[in-house]
Amino acid sequence: MFENIIHIQKWEGAYPPTEAELRQMMQDEGLSPYLWANEPGDVYAAHEHNYFKIIFVVSGSITFGFPIEGEPVTLTTGDRLDLPAGIQHNAVVGPEGVICLEAHRE
C-alpha cells in the first residue's frame, strides 16, 4: 500500500534525462507509462482522481497547485510527482508547453 502523501522529486542528474531513460525508470517500477503533452498556458481546474498518479516531466514545465494540501510546485525536465488518489490539484502549463510520461497505480 502506498502512502497518502504528495511526493515531489526534483531531477538532480548532471544532464537532463531522455524520454527513454524516464520510461525505463517507470517500467523498472512495474509501471506502464504513456506520453501526453499540452500547449503553453493550458490550465486544468481543480480536480482529483480515484487512482495514484505518477508523472515525470520529459520537457517543458508545469505548475501543480494543491488548494487544500499545500503550496504550488513547478516541475521541469526530469522532475517527478507522485500524487495519491483523492488529492485535489490543479495545473498550469509553462510558457514552452510540457510533455510528460504518466502512469497509474490502483
N, C-alpha and C. Protein backbone atom coordinates (compact mmCIF):
# COMPACT_ATOMS: atom_id res chain seq x y z
N MET A 1 0.85 -1.19 0.00
CA MET A 1 0.00 0.00 0.00
C MET A 1 0.89 1.24 0.00
N PHE A 2 0.47 2.26 -0.74
CA PHE A 2 1.25 3.48 -0.87
C PHE A 2 0.71 4.54 0.07
N GLU A 3 1.62 5.38 0.55
CA GLU A 3 1.24 6.45 1.47
C GLU A 3 0.34 7.46 0.79
N ASN A 4 -0.47 8.13 1.57
CA ASN A 4 -1.36 9.16 1.06
C ASN A 4 -0.68 10.52 1.18
N ILE A 5 0.55 10.61 0.66
CA ILE A 5 1.35 11.83 0.75
C ILE A 5 1.83 12.22 -0.64
N ILE A 6 1.70 13.50 -0.96
CA ILE A 6 2.24 14.01 -2.22
C ILE A 6 3.76 13.98 -2.12
N HIS A 7 4.41 13.41 -3.13
CA HIS A 7 5.87 13.37 -3.13
C HIS A 7 6.38 13.99 -4.42
N ILE A 8 7.31 14.92 -4.29
CA ILE A 8 7.92 15.58 -5.44
C ILE A 8 9.42 15.32 -5.37
N GLN A 9 9.95 14.80 -6.48
CA GLN A 9 11.38 14.54 -6.56
C GLN A 9 11.95 15.34 -7.72
N LYS A 10 12.78 16.31 -7.40
CA LYS A 10 13.42 17.15 -8.42
C LYS A 10 14.59 16.39 -9.03
N TRP A 11 14.79 16.53 -10.33
CA TRP A 11 15.89 15.85 -11.02
C TRP A 11 17.21 16.44 -10.56
N GLU A 12 18.13 15.59 -10.14
CA GLU A 12 19.43 16.05 -9.65
C GLU A 12 20.58 15.58 -10.52
N GLY A 13 20.27 14.97 -11.65
CA GLY A 13 21.32 14.47 -12.54
C GLY A 13 22.12 15.60 -13.15
N ALA A 14 23.30 15.26 -13.65
CA ALA A 14 24.20 16.25 -14.26
C ALA A 14 23.71 16.68 -15.64
N TYR A 15 22.80 15.92 -16.21
CA TYR A 15 22.27 16.21 -17.54
C TYR A 15 20.77 15.91 -17.52
N PRO A 16 20.00 16.54 -18.42
CA PRO A 16 18.56 16.23 -18.46
C PRO A 16 18.35 14.80 -18.96
N PRO A 17 17.40 14.08 -18.39
CA PRO A 17 17.14 12.71 -18.84
C PRO A 17 16.40 12.70 -20.17
N THR A 18 16.54 11.60 -20.89
CA THR A 18 15.79 11.42 -22.13
C THR A 18 14.44 10.78 -21.81
N GLU A 19 13.53 10.84 -22.75
CA GLU A 19 12.25 10.16 -22.58
C GLU A 19 12.48 8.67 -22.36
N ALA A 20 13.40 8.08 -23.10
CA ALA A 20 13.68 6.65 -22.96
C ALA A 20 14.18 6.31 -21.55
N GLU A 21 15.03 7.14 -20.99
CA GLU A 21 15.54 6.90 -19.64
C GLU A 21 14.41 6.97 -18.60
N LEU A 22 13.57 7.99 -18.73
CA LEU A 22 12.45 8.14 -17.79
C LEU A 22 11.46 6.98 -17.94
N ARG A 23 11.19 6.61 -19.18
CA ARG A 23 10.27 5.49 -19.43
C ARG A 23 10.83 4.21 -18.79
N GLN A 24 12.13 3.97 -18.93
CA GLN A 24 12.74 2.78 -18.35
C GLN A 24 12.66 2.79 -16.83
N MET A 25 12.88 3.97 -16.24
CA MET A 25 12.77 4.08 -14.78
C MET A 25 11.37 3.67 -14.31
N MET A 26 10.36 4.12 -15.05
CA MET A 26 8.99 3.80 -14.68
C MET A 26 8.71 2.31 -14.89
N GLN A 27 9.18 1.77 -16.00
CA GLN A 27 8.96 0.35 -16.27
C GLN A 27 9.67 -0.51 -15.23
N ASP A 28 10.84 -0.06 -14.76
CA ASP A 28 11.56 -0.79 -13.72
C ASP A 28 10.75 -0.88 -12.42
N GLU A 29 9.81 0.04 -12.22
CA GLU A 29 8.92 0.01 -11.06
C GLU A 29 7.64 -0.78 -11.33
N GLY A 30 7.57 -1.38 -12.51
CA GLY A 30 6.38 -2.14 -12.88
C GLY A 30 5.25 -1.28 -13.41
N LEU A 31 5.56 -0.04 -13.79
CA LEU A 31 4.55 0.88 -14.31
C LEU A 31 4.47 0.79 -15.83
N SER A 32 3.34 1.20 -16.37
CA SER A 32 3.12 1.23 -17.82
C SER A 32 2.87 2.68 -18.23
N PRO A 33 3.94 3.44 -18.48
CA PRO A 33 3.78 4.87 -18.77
C PRO A 33 3.22 5.14 -20.16
N TYR A 34 2.52 6.27 -20.26
CA TYR A 34 2.07 6.78 -21.55
C TYR A 34 2.45 8.25 -21.63
N LEU A 35 2.60 8.75 -22.84
CA LEU A 35 3.06 10.11 -23.09
C LEU A 35 1.87 11.03 -23.34
N TRP A 36 1.92 12.25 -22.79
CA TRP A 36 0.93 13.27 -23.11
C TRP A 36 1.63 14.62 -23.17
N ALA A 37 0.97 15.58 -23.80
CA ALA A 37 1.55 16.91 -23.97
C ALA A 37 0.45 17.96 -23.92
N ASN A 38 0.84 19.17 -23.53
CA ASN A 38 -0.07 20.31 -23.52
C ASN A 38 0.64 21.53 -24.05
N GLU A 39 -0.15 22.45 -24.56
CA GLU A 39 0.35 23.70 -25.11
C GLU A 39 0.65 24.71 -24.00
N PRO A 40 1.47 25.70 -24.29
CA PRO A 40 1.77 26.75 -23.30
C PRO A 40 0.49 27.38 -22.74
N GLY A 41 0.46 27.56 -21.44
CA GLY A 41 -0.65 28.25 -20.79
C GLY A 41 -1.90 27.43 -20.58
N ASP A 42 -1.93 26.18 -21.04
CA ASP A 42 -3.10 25.34 -20.79
C ASP A 42 -3.34 25.24 -19.29
N VAL A 43 -4.61 25.19 -18.89
CA VAL A 43 -4.98 25.19 -17.47
C VAL A 43 -5.90 24.01 -17.18
N TYR A 44 -5.61 23.33 -16.09
CA TYR A 44 -6.50 22.30 -15.56
C TYR A 44 -7.08 22.84 -14.25
N ALA A 45 -8.40 22.94 -14.20
CA ALA A 45 -9.07 23.40 -12.97
C ALA A 45 -8.90 22.34 -11.88
N ALA A 46 -9.14 22.74 -10.64
CA ALA A 46 -9.01 21.83 -9.50
C ALA A 46 -9.87 20.58 -9.71
N HIS A 47 -9.25 19.43 -9.49
CA HIS A 47 -9.93 18.14 -9.62
C HIS A 47 -9.14 17.10 -8.84
N GLU A 48 -9.65 15.88 -8.80
CA GLU A 48 -8.94 14.78 -8.15
C GLU A 48 -9.19 13.51 -8.94
N HIS A 49 -8.39 12.49 -8.66
CA HIS A 49 -8.51 11.21 -9.35
C HIS A 49 -8.75 10.10 -8.34
N ASN A 50 -9.28 8.99 -8.81
CA ASN A 50 -9.51 7.84 -7.92
C ASN A 50 -8.38 6.82 -8.06
N TYR A 51 -7.23 7.25 -8.55
CA TYR A 51 -6.06 6.39 -8.69
C TYR A 51 -4.81 7.18 -8.31
N PHE A 52 -3.76 6.45 -7.98
CA PHE A 52 -2.46 7.01 -7.65
C PHE A 52 -1.75 7.32 -8.96
N LYS A 53 -1.33 8.57 -9.15
CA LYS A 53 -0.75 9.03 -10.40
C LYS A 53 0.74 9.32 -10.21
N ILE A 54 1.56 8.88 -11.17
CA ILE A 54 2.98 9.19 -11.19
C ILE A 54 3.27 9.91 -12.50
N ILE A 55 3.91 11.07 -12.41
CA ILE A 55 4.23 11.87 -13.60
C ILE A 55 5.71 12.21 -13.58
N PHE A 56 6.36 12.05 -14.73
CA PHE A 56 7.70 12.58 -14.98
C PHE A 56 7.58 13.61 -16.09
N VAL A 57 8.22 14.76 -15.93
CA VAL A 57 8.26 15.76 -16.99
C VAL A 57 9.40 15.39 -17.94
N VAL A 58 9.07 15.21 -19.22
CA VAL A 58 10.05 14.89 -20.26
C VAL A 58 10.69 16.17 -20.78
N SER A 59 9.87 17.19 -20.98
CA SER A 59 10.38 18.50 -21.41
C SER A 59 9.36 19.58 -21.09
N GLY A 60 9.83 20.83 -21.03
CA GLY A 60 8.95 21.95 -20.69
C GLY A 60 8.75 22.05 -19.19
N SER A 61 7.60 22.60 -18.81
CA SER A 61 7.31 22.76 -17.39
C SER A 61 5.80 22.79 -17.15
N ILE A 62 5.43 22.47 -15.91
CA ILE A 62 4.04 22.51 -15.49
C ILE A 62 4.02 22.80 -13.99
N THR A 63 3.12 23.69 -13.59
CA THR A 63 2.99 24.03 -12.17
C THR A 63 1.72 23.40 -11.63
N PHE A 64 1.89 22.56 -10.61
CA PHE A 64 0.76 21.92 -9.94
C PHE A 64 0.45 22.69 -8.67
N GLY A 65 -0.82 22.97 -8.48
CA GLY A 65 -1.29 23.59 -7.25
C GLY A 65 -2.06 22.57 -6.45
N PHE A 66 -2.01 22.71 -5.13
CA PHE A 66 -2.70 21.80 -4.22
C PHE A 66 -3.52 22.66 -3.26
N PRO A 67 -4.74 23.06 -3.68
CA PRO A 67 -5.52 24.03 -2.91
C PRO A 67 -5.72 23.67 -1.45
N ILE A 68 -5.82 22.40 -1.13
CA ILE A 68 -6.07 22.00 0.25
C ILE A 68 -4.78 21.58 0.94
N GLU A 69 -3.88 20.96 0.20
CA GLU A 69 -2.71 20.30 0.78
C GLU A 69 -1.49 21.19 0.98
N GLY A 70 -1.30 22.21 0.12
CA GLY A 70 -0.07 22.98 0.28
C GLY A 70 0.24 23.89 -0.89
N GLU A 71 1.49 24.33 -0.95
CA GLU A 71 1.95 25.31 -1.92
C GLU A 71 2.11 24.71 -3.31
N PRO A 72 1.97 25.53 -4.36
CA PRO A 72 2.20 25.04 -5.72
C PRO A 72 3.68 24.71 -5.94
N VAL A 73 3.92 23.85 -6.93
CA VAL A 73 5.28 23.46 -7.28
C VAL A 73 5.40 23.37 -8.80
N THR A 74 6.50 23.91 -9.31
CA THR A 74 6.76 23.84 -10.74
C THR A 74 7.71 22.69 -11.02
N LEU A 75 7.30 21.81 -11.93
CA LEU A 75 8.12 20.69 -12.35
C LEU A 75 8.71 20.98 -13.72
N THR A 76 9.99 20.62 -13.88
CA THR A 76 10.68 20.78 -15.16
C THR A 76 11.29 19.43 -15.54
N THR A 77 12.04 19.40 -16.61
CA THR A 77 12.57 18.16 -17.16
C THR A 77 13.19 17.26 -16.09
N GLY A 78 12.70 16.03 -16.03
CA GLY A 78 13.22 15.02 -15.11
C GLY A 78 12.54 14.99 -13.76
N ASP A 79 11.77 16.00 -13.42
CA ASP A 79 11.10 16.04 -12.11
C ASP A 79 9.94 15.05 -12.08
N ARG A 80 9.69 14.53 -10.87
CA ARG A 80 8.66 13.51 -10.68
C ARG A 80 7.65 13.98 -9.63
N LEU A 81 6.38 13.66 -9.90
CA LEU A 81 5.29 13.89 -8.96
C LEU A 81 4.59 12.56 -8.70
N ASP A 82 4.49 12.19 -7.43
CA ASP A 82 3.68 11.05 -7.01
C ASP A 82 2.45 11.64 -6.32
N LEU A 83 1.29 11.42 -6.91
CA LEU A 83 0.06 12.05 -6.43
C LEU A 83 -0.94 10.97 -6.03
N PRO A 84 -1.18 10.81 -4.75
CA PRO A 84 -2.14 9.79 -4.29
C PRO A 84 -3.57 10.09 -4.76
N ALA A 85 -4.37 9.06 -4.81
CA ALA A 85 -5.78 9.21 -5.15
C ALA A 85 -6.46 10.16 -4.17
N GLY A 86 -7.41 10.93 -4.68
CA GLY A 86 -8.22 11.78 -3.83
C GLY A 86 -7.62 13.12 -3.45
N ILE A 87 -6.41 13.42 -3.93
CA ILE A 87 -5.77 14.71 -3.61
C ILE A 87 -6.20 15.74 -4.64
N GLN A 88 -6.85 16.79 -4.18
CA GLN A 88 -7.28 17.85 -5.10
C GLN A 88 -6.06 18.61 -5.61
N HIS A 89 -6.02 18.85 -6.93
CA HIS A 89 -4.91 19.56 -7.55
C HIS A 89 -5.39 20.28 -8.80
N ASN A 90 -4.61 21.27 -9.21
CA ASN A 90 -4.85 21.97 -10.47
C ASN A 90 -3.50 22.09 -11.14
N ALA A 91 -3.47 22.60 -12.37
CA ALA A 91 -2.19 22.71 -13.07
C ALA A 91 -2.25 23.80 -14.12
N VAL A 92 -1.09 24.43 -14.34
CA VAL A 92 -0.91 25.41 -15.40
C VAL A 92 0.37 25.05 -16.14
N VAL A 93 0.27 24.91 -17.45
CA VAL A 93 1.42 24.55 -18.27
C VAL A 93 2.29 25.78 -18.48
N GLY A 94 3.60 25.57 -18.46
CA GLY A 94 4.57 26.65 -18.61
C GLY A 94 4.62 27.25 -20.00
N PRO A 95 5.44 28.28 -20.19
CA PRO A 95 5.48 29.05 -21.43
C PRO A 95 6.01 28.31 -22.65
N GLU A 96 6.64 27.16 -22.44
CA GLU A 96 7.16 26.38 -23.57
C GLU A 96 6.36 25.09 -23.79
N GLY A 97 5.22 24.97 -23.11
CA GLY A 97 4.45 23.74 -23.18
C GLY A 97 5.06 22.69 -22.27
N VAL A 98 4.49 21.48 -22.31
CA VAL A 98 5.00 20.39 -21.48
C VAL A 98 4.74 19.06 -22.17
N ILE A 99 5.67 18.14 -22.00
CA ILE A 99 5.50 16.74 -22.38
C ILE A 99 5.79 15.91 -21.14
N CYS A 100 4.89 15.00 -20.83
CA CYS A 100 5.02 14.18 -19.62
C CYS A 100 4.82 12.72 -19.92
N LEU A 101 5.44 11.89 -19.09
CA LEU A 101 5.12 10.47 -19.01
C LEU A 101 4.29 10.29 -17.75
N GLU A 102 3.21 9.53 -17.86
CA GLU A 102 2.33 9.30 -16.73
C GLU A 102 1.99 7.83 -16.61
N ALA A 103 1.83 7.38 -15.39
CA ALA A 103 1.38 6.02 -15.12
C ALA A 103 0.50 6.05 -13.88
N HIS A 104 -0.29 5.00 -13.70
CA HIS A 104 -1.21 4.92 -12.57
C HIS A 104 -0.97 3.66 -11.77
N ARG A 105 -1.20 3.78 -10.48
CA ARG A 105 -1.24 2.62 -9.58
C ARG A 105 -2.65 2.57 -9.01
N GLU A 106 -3.16 1.40 -8.86
CA GLU A 106 -4.53 1.24 -8.29
C GLU A 106 -4.50 1.45 -6.81
